[in-house]
Amino acid sequence: LVYGRDFVSADKISANSRLIDKTMMKWLSTM
């Protein structure tokens, strides 16, 4: 989403995004 000459900002990444990040990083750390 764009407004004017920039994107529409969000406060933070979503809970789903954080869960995927944690899962993948922990999985990779075991390998």
PDB file of all heavy atoms in Angstrom:
ATOM      1  N   LEU A   1       0.815  -1.203   0.000  1.00  0.00           N
ATOM      2  CA  LEU A   1       0.000   0.000   0.000  1.00  0.00           C
ATOM      3  C   LEU A   1       0.859   1.267   0.000  1.00  0.00           C
ATOM      4  O   LEU A   1       1.826   1.384   0.757  1.00  0.00           O
ATOM      5  CB  LEU A   1      -0.929  -0.002   1.213  1.00  0.00           C
ATOM      6  CG  LEU A   1      -1.970  -1.142   1.234  1.00  0.00           C
ATOM      7  CD1 LEU A   1      -2.821  -1.064   2.492  1.00  0.00           C
ATOM      8  CD2 LEU A   1      -2.853  -1.101  -0.018  1.00  0.00           C
ATOM      9  N   VAL A   2       0.455   2.186  -0.868  1.00  0.00           N
ATOM     10  CA  VAL A   2       1.185   3.440  -1.066  1.00  0.00           C
ATOM     11  C   VAL A   2       0.290   4.616  -0.694  1.00  0.00           C
ATOM     12  O   VAL A   2      -0.912   4.619  -0.986  1.00  0.00           O
ATOM     13  CB  VAL A   2       1.629   3.579  -2.537  1.00  0.00           C
ATOM     14  CG1 VAL A   2       2.361   4.890  -2.759  1.00  0.00           C
ATOM     15  CG2 VAL A   2       2.505   2.399  -2.949  1.00  0.00           C
ATOM     16  N   TYR A   3       0.899   5.615  -0.056  1.00  0.00           N
ATOM     17  CA  TYR A   3       0.180   6.857   0.216  1.00  0.00           C
ATOM     18  C   TYR A   3       1.128   8.002  -0.096  1.00  0.00           C
ATOM     19  O   TYR A   3       2.202   8.119   0.498  1.00  0.00           O
ATOM     20  CB  TYR A   3      -0.276   6.932   1.673  1.00  0.00           C
ATOM     21  CG  TYR A   3      -1.102   8.159   1.977  1.00  0.00           C
ATOM     22  CD1 TYR A   3      -2.440   8.237   1.586  1.00  0.00           C
ATOM     23  CD2 TYR A   3      -0.536   9.254   2.630  1.00  0.00           C
ATOM     24  CE1 TYR A   3      -3.200   9.358   1.851  1.00  0.00           C
ATOM     25  CE2 TYR A   3      -1.290  10.381   2.901  1.00  0.00           C
ATOM     26  CZ  TYR A   3      -2.626  10.432   2.502  1.00  0.00           C
ATOM     27  OH  TYR A   3      -3.375  11.558   2.748  1.00  0.00           O
ATOM     28  N   GLY A   4       0.750   8.850  -1.055  1.00  0.00           N
ATOM     29  CA  GLY A   4       1.634   9.934  -1.464  1.00  0.00           C
ATOM     30  C   GLY A   4       2.872   9.383  -2.145  1.00  0.00           C
ATOM     31  O   GLY A   4       2.772   8.646  -3.114  1.00  0.00           O
ATOM     32  N   ARG A   5       4.036   9.709  -1.611  1.00  0.00           N
ATOM     33  CA  ARG A   5       5.297   9.269  -2.217  1.00  0.00           C
ATOM     34  C   ARG A   5       5.998   8.196  -1.376  1.00  0.00           C
ATOM     35  O   ARG A   5       7.193   7.976  -1.510  1.00  0.00           O
ATOM     36  CB  ARG A   5       6.229  10.470  -2.417  1.00  0.00           C
ATOM     37  CG  ARG A   5       6.659  11.154  -1.134  1.00  0.00           C
ATOM     38  CD  ARG A   5       7.385  12.452  -1.392  1.00  0.00           C
ATOM     39  NE  ARG A   5       8.521  12.285  -2.281  1.00  0.00           N
ATOM     40  CZ  ARG A   5       9.725  11.884  -1.883  1.00  0.00           C
ATOM     41  NH1 ARG A   5       9.919  11.548  -0.602  1.00  0.00           N
ATOM     42  NH2 ARG A   5      10.714  11.815  -2.733  1.00  0.00           N
ATOM     43  N   ASP A   6       5.254   7.516  -0.512  1.00  0.00           N
ATOM     44  CA  ASP A   6       5.867   6.493   0.335  1.00  0.00           C
ATOM     45  C   ASP A   6       4.862   5.376   0.598  1.00  0.00           C
ATOM     46  O   ASP A   6       3.680   5.483   0.250  1.00  0.00           O
ATOM     47  CB  ASP A   6       6.321   7.106   1.661  1.00  0.00           C
ATOM     48  CG  ASP A   6       7.422   6.290   2.334  1.00  0.00           C
ATOM     49  OD1 ASP A   6       7.714   5.181   1.852  1.00  0.00           O
ATOM     50  OD2 ASP A   6       7.985   6.774   3.342  1.00  0.00           O
ATOM     51  N   PHE A   7       5.342   4.322   1.224  1.00  0.00           N
ATOM     52  CA  PHE A   7       4.471   3.210   1.589  1.00  0.00           C
ATOM     53  C   PHE A   7       3.747   3.522   2.896  1.00  0.00           C
ATOM     54  O   PHE A   7       4.181   4.374   3.675  1.00  0.00           O
ATOM     55  CB  PHE A   7       5.292   1.925   1.746  1.00  0.00           C
ATOM     56  CG  PHE A   7       5.962   1.481   0.483  1.00  0.00           C
ATOM     57  CD1 PHE A   7       7.318   1.658   0.291  1.00  0.00           C
ATOM     58  CD2 PHE A   7       5.220   0.891  -0.536  1.00  0.00           C
ATOM     59  CE1 PHE A   7       7.941   1.259  -0.885  1.00  0.00           C
ATOM     60  CE2 PHE A   7       5.825   0.486  -1.719  1.00  0.00           C
ATOM     61  CZ  PHE A   7       7.186   0.672  -1.888  1.00  0.00           C
ATOM     62  N   VAL A   8       2.650   2.814   3.126  1.00  0.00           N
ATOM     63  CA  VAL A   8       1.899   2.971   4.367  1.00  0.00           C
ATOM     64  C   VAL A   8       2.590   2.141   5.445  1.00  0.00           C
ATOM     65  O   VAL A   8       2.708   0.914   5.323  1.00  0.00           O
ATOM     66  CB  VAL A   8       0.435   2.510   4.195  1.00  0.00           C
ATOM     67  CG1 VAL A   8      -0.332   2.671   5.511  1.00  0.00           C
ATOM     68  CG2 VAL A   8      -0.243   3.293   3.077  1.00  0.00           C
ATOM     69  N   SER A   9       3.045   2.778   6.479  1.00  0.00           N
ATOM     70  CA  SER A   9       3.827   2.091   7.515  1.00  0.00           C
ATOM     71  C   SER A   9       2.943   1.262   8.446  1.00  0.00           C
ATOM     72  O   SER A   9       1.789   1.606   8.707  1.00  0.00           O
ATOM     73  CB  SER A   9       4.607   3.107   8.350  1.00  0.00           C
ATOM     74  OG  SER A   9       5.576   3.751   7.568  1.00  0.00           O
ATOM     75  N   ALA A  10       3.524   0.174   8.947  1.00  0.00           N
ATOM     76  CA  ALA A  10       2.890  -0.653   9.978  1.00  0.00           C
ATOM     77  C   ALA A  10       3.762  -0.578  11.224  1.00  0.00           C
ATOM     78  O   ALA A  10       4.957  -0.283  11.151  1.00  0.00           O
ATOM     79  CB  ALA A  10       2.750  -2.095   9.500  1.00  0.00           C
ATOM     80  N   ASP A  11       3.185  -0.863  12.373  1.00  0.00           N
ATOM     81  CA  ASP A  11       3.915  -0.737  13.636  1.00  0.00           C
ATOM     82  C   ASP A  11       4.981  -1.817  13.817  1.00  0.00           C
ATOM     83  O   ASP A  11       6.086  -1.548  14.285  1.00  0.00           O
ATOM     84  CB  ASP A  11       2.945  -0.782  14.825  1.00  0.00           C
ATOM     85  CG  ASP A  11       2.023   0.424  14.849  1.00  0.00           C
ATOM     86  OD1 ASP A  11       2.434   1.494  14.359  1.00  0.00           O
ATOM     87  OD2 ASP A  11       0.890   0.293  15.346  1.00  0.00           O
ATOM     88  N   LYS A  12       4.645  -3.046  13.443  1.00  0.00           N
ATOM     89  CA  LYS A  12       5.562  -4.165  13.658  1.00  0.00           C
ATOM     90  C   LYS A  12       5.152  -5.343  12.777  1.00  0.00           C
ATOM     91  O   LYS A  12       4.055  -5.354  12.207  1.00  0.00           O
ATOM     92  CB  LYS A  12       5.543  -4.597  15.120  1.00  0.00           C
ATOM     93  CG  LYS A  12       4.158  -4.992  15.629  1.00  0.00           C
ATOM     94  CD  LYS A  12       4.190  -5.300  17.131  1.00  0.00           C
ATOM     95  CE  LYS A  12       2.797  -5.661  17.631  1.00  0.00           C
ATOM     96  NZ  LYS A  12       2.799  -5.940  19.086  1.00  0.00           N
ATOM     97  N   ILE A  13       6.046  -6.326  12.649  1.00  0.00           N
ATOM     98  CA  ILE A  13       5.687  -7.516  11.886  1.00  0.00           C
ATOM     99  C   ILE A  13       4.647  -8.311  12.671  1.00  0.00           C
ATOM    100  O   ILE A  13       4.586  -8.225  13.905  1.00  0.00           O
ATOM    101  CB  ILE A  13       6.913  -8.405  11.551  1.00  0.00           C
ATOM    102  CG1 ILE A  13       7.594  -8.901  12.827  1.00  0.00           C
ATOM    103  CG2 ILE A  13       7.886  -7.668  10.666  1.00  0.00           C
ATOM    104  CD1 ILE A  13       8.687  -9.919  12.556  1.00  0.00           C
ATOM    105  N   SER A  14       3.855  -9.084  11.968  1.00  0.00           N
ATOM    106  CA  SER A  14       2.738  -9.786  12.599  1.00  0.00           C
ATOM    107  C   SER A  14       3.216 -10.967  13.444  1.00  0.00           C
ATOM    108  O   SER A  14       4.367 -11.415  13.346  1.00  0.00           O
ATOM    109  CB  SER A  14       1.782 -10.301  11.524  1.00  0.00           C
ATOM    110  OG  SER A  14       2.391 -11.366  10.808  1.00  0.00           O
ATOM    111  N   ALA A  15       2.296 -11.486  14.246  1.00  0.00           N
ATOM    112  CA  ALA A  15       2.596 -12.663  15.074  1.00  0.00           C
ATOM    113  C   ALA A  15       2.936 -13.859  14.195  1.00  0.00           C
ATOM    114  O   ALA A  15       3.847 -14.641  14.508  1.00  0.00           O
ATOM    115  CB  ALA A  15       1.398 -12.987  15.967  1.00  0.00           C
ATOM    116  N   ASN A  16       2.224 -14.025  13.071  1.00  0.00           N
ATOM    117  CA  ASN A  16       2.510 -15.137  12.154  1.00  0.00           C
ATOM    118  C   ASN A  16       3.924 -15.051  11.616  1.00  0.00           C
ATOM    119  O   ASN A  16       4.639 -16.054  11.530  1.00  0.00           O
ATOM    120  CB  ASN A  16       1.512 -15.128  10.985  1.00  0.00           C
ATOM    121  CG  ASN A  16       0.138 -15.607  11.380  1.00  0.00           C
ATOM    122  OD1 ASN A  16      -0.011 -16.340  12.351  1.00  0.00           O
ATOM    123  ND2 ASN A  16      -0.875 -15.195  10.648  1.00  0.00           N
ATOM    124  N   SER A  17       4.327 -13.839  11.233  1.00  0.00           N
ATOM    125  CA  SER A  17       5.674 -13.644  10.697  1.00  0.00           C
ATOM    126  C   SER A  17       6.725 -13.973  11.746  1.00  0.00           C
ATOM    127  O   SER A  17       7.737 -14.622  11.456  1.00  0.00           O
ATOM    128  CB  SER A  17       5.831 -12.200  10.217  1.00  0.00           C
ATOM    129  OG  SER A  17       7.100 -11.997   9.638  1.00  0.00           O
ATOM    130  N   ARG A  18       6.494 -13.547  12.980  1.00  0.00           N
ATOM    131  CA  ARG A  18       7.454 -13.834  14.056  1.00  0.00           C
ATOM    132  C   ARG A  18       7.545 -15.326  14.346  1.00  0.00           C
ATOM    133  O   ARG A  18       8.633 -15.853  14.614  1.00  0.00           O
ATOM    134  CB  ARG A  18       7.061 -13.070  15.331  1.00  0.00           C
ATOM    135  CG  ARG A  18       7.229 -11.558  15.228  1.00  0.00           C
ATOM    136  CD  ARG A  18       7.198 -10.888  16.598  1.00  0.00           C
ATOM    137  NE  ARG A  18       5.911 -11.077  17.266  1.00  0.00           N
ATOM    138  CZ  ARG A  18       4.877 -10.267  17.103  1.00  0.00           C
ATOM    139  NH1 ARG A  18       4.965  -9.229  16.293  1.00  0.00           N
ATOM    140  NH2 ARG A  18       3.742 -10.486  17.753  1.00  0.00           N
ATOM    141  N   LEU A  19       6.405 -16.026  14.282  1.00  0.00           N
ATOM    142  CA  LEU A  19       6.401 -17.475  14.529  1.00  0.00           C
ATOM    143  C   LEU A  19       7.208 -18.215  13.461  1.00  0.00           C
ATOM    144  O   LEU A  19       7.979 -19.133  13.773  1.00  0.00           O
ATOM    145  CB  LEU A  19       4.963 -17.998  14.556  1.00  0.00           C
ATOM    146  CG  LEU A  19       4.148 -17.706  15.817  1.00  0.00           C
ATOM    147  CD1 LEU A  19       2.699 -18.128  15.628  1.00  0.00           C
ATOM    148  CD2 LEU A  19       4.756 -18.420  17.025  1.00  0.00           C
ATOM    149  N   ILE A  20       7.023 -17.821  12.208  1.00  0.00           N
ATOM    150  CA  ILE A  20       7.770 -18.468  11.116  1.00  0.00           C
ATOM    151  C   ILE A  20       9.259 -18.195  11.262  1.00  0.00           C
ATOM    152  O   ILE A  20      10.093 -19.093  11.093  1.00  0.00           O
ATOM    153  CB  ILE A  20       7.252 -17.973   9.750  1.00  0.00           C
ATOM    154  CG1 ILE A  20       5.855 -18.546   9.490  1.00  0.00           C
ATOM    155  CG2 ILE A  20       8.194 -18.384   8.621  1.00  0.00           C
ATOM    156  CD1 ILE A  20       5.189 -18.019   8.246  1.00  0.00           C
ATOM    157  N   ASP A  21       9.589 -16.956  11.589  1.00  0.00           N
ATOM    158  CA  ASP A  21      10.991 -16.592  11.774  1.00  0.00           C
ATOM    159  C   ASP A  21      11.624 -17.427  12.888  1.00  0.00           C
ATOM    160  O   ASP A  21      12.701 -18.017  12.716  1.00  0.00           O
ATOM    161  CB  ASP A  21      11.072 -15.095  12.109  1.00  0.00           C
ATOM    162  CG  ASP A  21      12.499 -14.615  12.287  1.00  0.00           C
ATOM    163  OD1 ASP A  21      13.398 -15.215  11.684  1.00  0.00           O
ATOM    164  OD2 ASP A  21      12.718 -13.647  13.033  1.00  0.00           O
ATOM    165  N   LYS A  22      10.947 -17.512  14.038  1.00  0.00           N
ATOM    166  CA  LYS A  22      11.474 -18.298  15.163  1.00  0.00           C
ATOM    167  C   LYS A  22      11.621 -19.771  14.802  1.00  0.00           C
ATOM    168  O   LYS A  22      12.613 -20.413  15.140  1.00  0.00           O
ATOM    169  CB  LYS A  22      10.546 -18.160  16.375  1.00  0.00           C
ATOM    170  CG  LYS A  22      10.603 -16.815  17.077  1.00  0.00           C
ATOM    171  CD  LYS A  22       9.663 -16.807  18.278  1.00  0.00           C
ATOM    172  CE  LYS A  22       9.670 -15.467  18.984  1.00  0.00           C
ATOM    173  NZ  LYS A  22       8.717 -15.442  20.134  1.00  0.00           N
ATOM    174  N   THR A  23      10.601 -20.299  14.105  1.00  0.00           N
ATOM    175  CA  THR A  23      10.615 -21.718  13.742  1.00  0.00           C
ATOM    176  C   THR A  23      11.772 -22.038  12.807  1.00  0.00           C
ATOM    177  O   THR A  23      12.531 -22.993  13.032  1.00  0.00           O
ATOM    178  CB  THR A  23       9.288 -22.124  13.068  1.00  0.00           C
ATOM    179  OG1 THR A  23       8.206 -21.888  13.981  1.00  0.00           O
ATOM    180  CG2 THR A  23       9.297 -23.591  12.677  1.00  0.00           C
ATOM    181  N   MET A  24      11.922 -21.245  11.752  1.00  0.00           N
ATOM    182  CA  MET A  24      12.972 -21.510  10.768  1.00  0.00           C
ATOM    183  C   MET A  24      14.359 -21.326  11.374  1.00  0.00           C
ATOM    184  O   MET A  24      15.262 -22.136  11.126  1.00  0.00           O
ATOM    185  CB  MET A  24      12.797 -20.589   9.562  1.00  0.00           C
ATOM    186  CG  MET A  24      11.544 -20.852   8.735  1.00  0.00           C
ATOM    187  SD  MET A  24      11.437 -22.571   8.140  1.00  0.00           S
ATOM    188  CE  MET A  24      12.882 -22.676   7.107  1.00  0.00           C
ATOM    189  N   MET A  25      14.539 -20.284  12.176  1.00  0.00           N
ATOM    190  CA  MET A  25      15.855 -20.039  12.765  1.00  0.00           C
ATOM    191  C   MET A  25      16.225 -21.142  13.754  1.00  0.00           C
ATOM    192  O   MET A  25      17.382 -21.587  13.789  1.00  0.00           O
ATOM    193  CB  MET A  25      15.879 -18.674  13.457  1.00  0.00           C
ATOM    194  CG  MET A  25      15.789 -17.485  12.497  1.00  0.00           C
ATOM    195  SD  MET A  25      17.091 -17.469  11.235  1.00  0.00           S
ATOM    196  CE  MET A  25      18.539 -17.142  12.240  1.00  0.00           C
ATOM    197  N   LYS A  26      15.247 -21.605  14.534  1.00  0.00           N
ATOM    198  CA  LYS A  26      15.532 -22.683  15.485  1.00  0.00           C
ATOM    199  C   LYS A  26      15.820 -23.983  14.746  1.00  0.00           C
ATOM    200  O   LYS A  26      16.720 -24.742  15.123  1.00  0.00           O
ATOM    201  CB  LYS A  26      14.355 -22.875  16.445  1.00  0.00           C
ATOM    202  CG  LYS A  26      14.661 -23.858  17.570  1.00  0.00           C
ATOM    203  CD  LYS A  26      13.582 -23.875  18.633  1.00  0.00           C
ATOM    204  CE  LYS A  26      13.942 -24.853  19.751  1.00  0.00           C
ATOM    205  NZ  LYS A  26      12.923 -24.870  20.826  1.00  0.00           N
ATOM    206  N   TRP A  27      15.046 -24.243  13.685  1.00  0.00           N
ATOM    207  CA  TRP A  27      15.263 -25.462  12.888  1.00  0.00           C
ATOM    208  C   TRP A  27      16.651 -25.446  12.262  1.00  0.00           C
ATOM    209  O   TRP A  27      17.392 -26.423  12.350  1.00  0.00           O
ATOM    210  CB  TRP A  27      14.189 -25.553  11.812  1.00  0.00           C
ATOM    211  CG  TRP A  27      14.246 -26.790  10.947  1.00  0.00           C
ATOM    212  CD1 TRP A  27      14.248 -28.082  11.368  1.00  0.00           C
ATOM    213  CD2 TRP A  27      14.287 -26.839   9.514  1.00  0.00           C
ATOM    214  NE1 TRP A  27      14.285 -28.951  10.288  1.00  0.00           N
ATOM    215  CE2 TRP A  27      14.314 -28.200   9.146  1.00  0.00           C
ATOM    216  CE3 TRP A  27      14.290 -25.859   8.523  1.00  0.00           C
ATOM    217  CZ2 TRP A  27      14.345 -28.610   7.805  1.00  0.00           C
ATOM    218  CZ3 TRP A  27      14.313 -26.260   7.195  1.00  0.00           C
ATOM    219  CH2 TRP A  27      14.345 -27.626   6.845  1.00  0.00           C
ATOM    220  N   LEU A  28      17.021 -24.327  11.661  1.00  0.00           N
ATOM    221  CA  LEU A  28      18.340 -24.229  11.034  1.00  0.00           C
ATOM    222  C   LEU A  28      19.459 -24.343  12.058  1.00  0.00           C
ATOM    223  O   LEU A  28      20.535 -24.880  11.768  1.00  0.00           O
ATOM    224  CB  LEU A  28      18.461 -22.901  10.269  1.00  0.00           C
ATOM    225  CG  LEU A  28      17.622 -22.782   8.990  1.00  0.00           C
ATOM    226  CD1 LEU A  28      17.680 -21.362   8.450  1.00  0.00           C
ATOM    227  CD2 LEU A  28      18.102 -23.767   7.932  1.00  0.00           C
ATOM    228  N   SER A  29      19.216 -23.850  13.284  1.00  0.00           N
ATOM    229  CA  SER A  29      20.246 -23.919  14.320  1.00  0.00           C
ATOM    230  C   SER A  29      20.536 -25.348  14.756  1.00  0.00           C
ATOM    231  O   SER A  29      21.592 -25.620  15.337  1.00  0.00           O
ATOM    232  CB  SER A  29      19.838 -23.078  15.534  1.00  0.00           C
ATOM    233  OG  SER A  29      18.770 -23.691  16.248  1.00  0.00           O
ATOM    234  N   THR A  30      19.595 -26.264  14.501  1.00  0.00           N
ATOM    235  CA  THR A  30      19.794 -27.672  14.869  1.00  0.00           C
ATOM    236  C   THR A  30      20.513 -28.446  13.767  1.00  0.00           C
ATOM    237  O   THR A  30      20.790 -29.631  13.936  1.00  0.00           O
ATOM    238  CB  THR A  30      18.451 -28.367  15.148  1.00  0.00           C
ATOM    239  OG1 THR A  30      17.695 -28.481  13.935  1.00  0.00           O
ATOM    240  CG2 THR A  30      17.644 -27.600  16.189  1.00  0.00           C
ATOM    241  N   MET A  31      20.786 -27.771  12.639  1.00  0.00           N
ATOM    242  CA  MET A  31      21.367 -28.453  11.476  1.00  0.00           C
ATOM    243  C   MET A  31      22.764 -27.928  11.172  1.00  0.00           C
ATOM    244  O   MET A  31      23.011 -26.722  11.229  1.00  0.00           O
ATOM    245  CB  MET A  31      20.468 -28.240  10.238  1.00  0.00           C
ATOM    246  CG  MET A  31      19.052 -28.767  10.407  1.00  0.00           C
ATOM    247  SD  MET A  31      17.908 -28.070   9.168  1.00  0.00           S
ATOM    248  CE  MET A  31      18.563 -28.779   7.657  1.00  0.00           C
TER     249      MET A  31
END
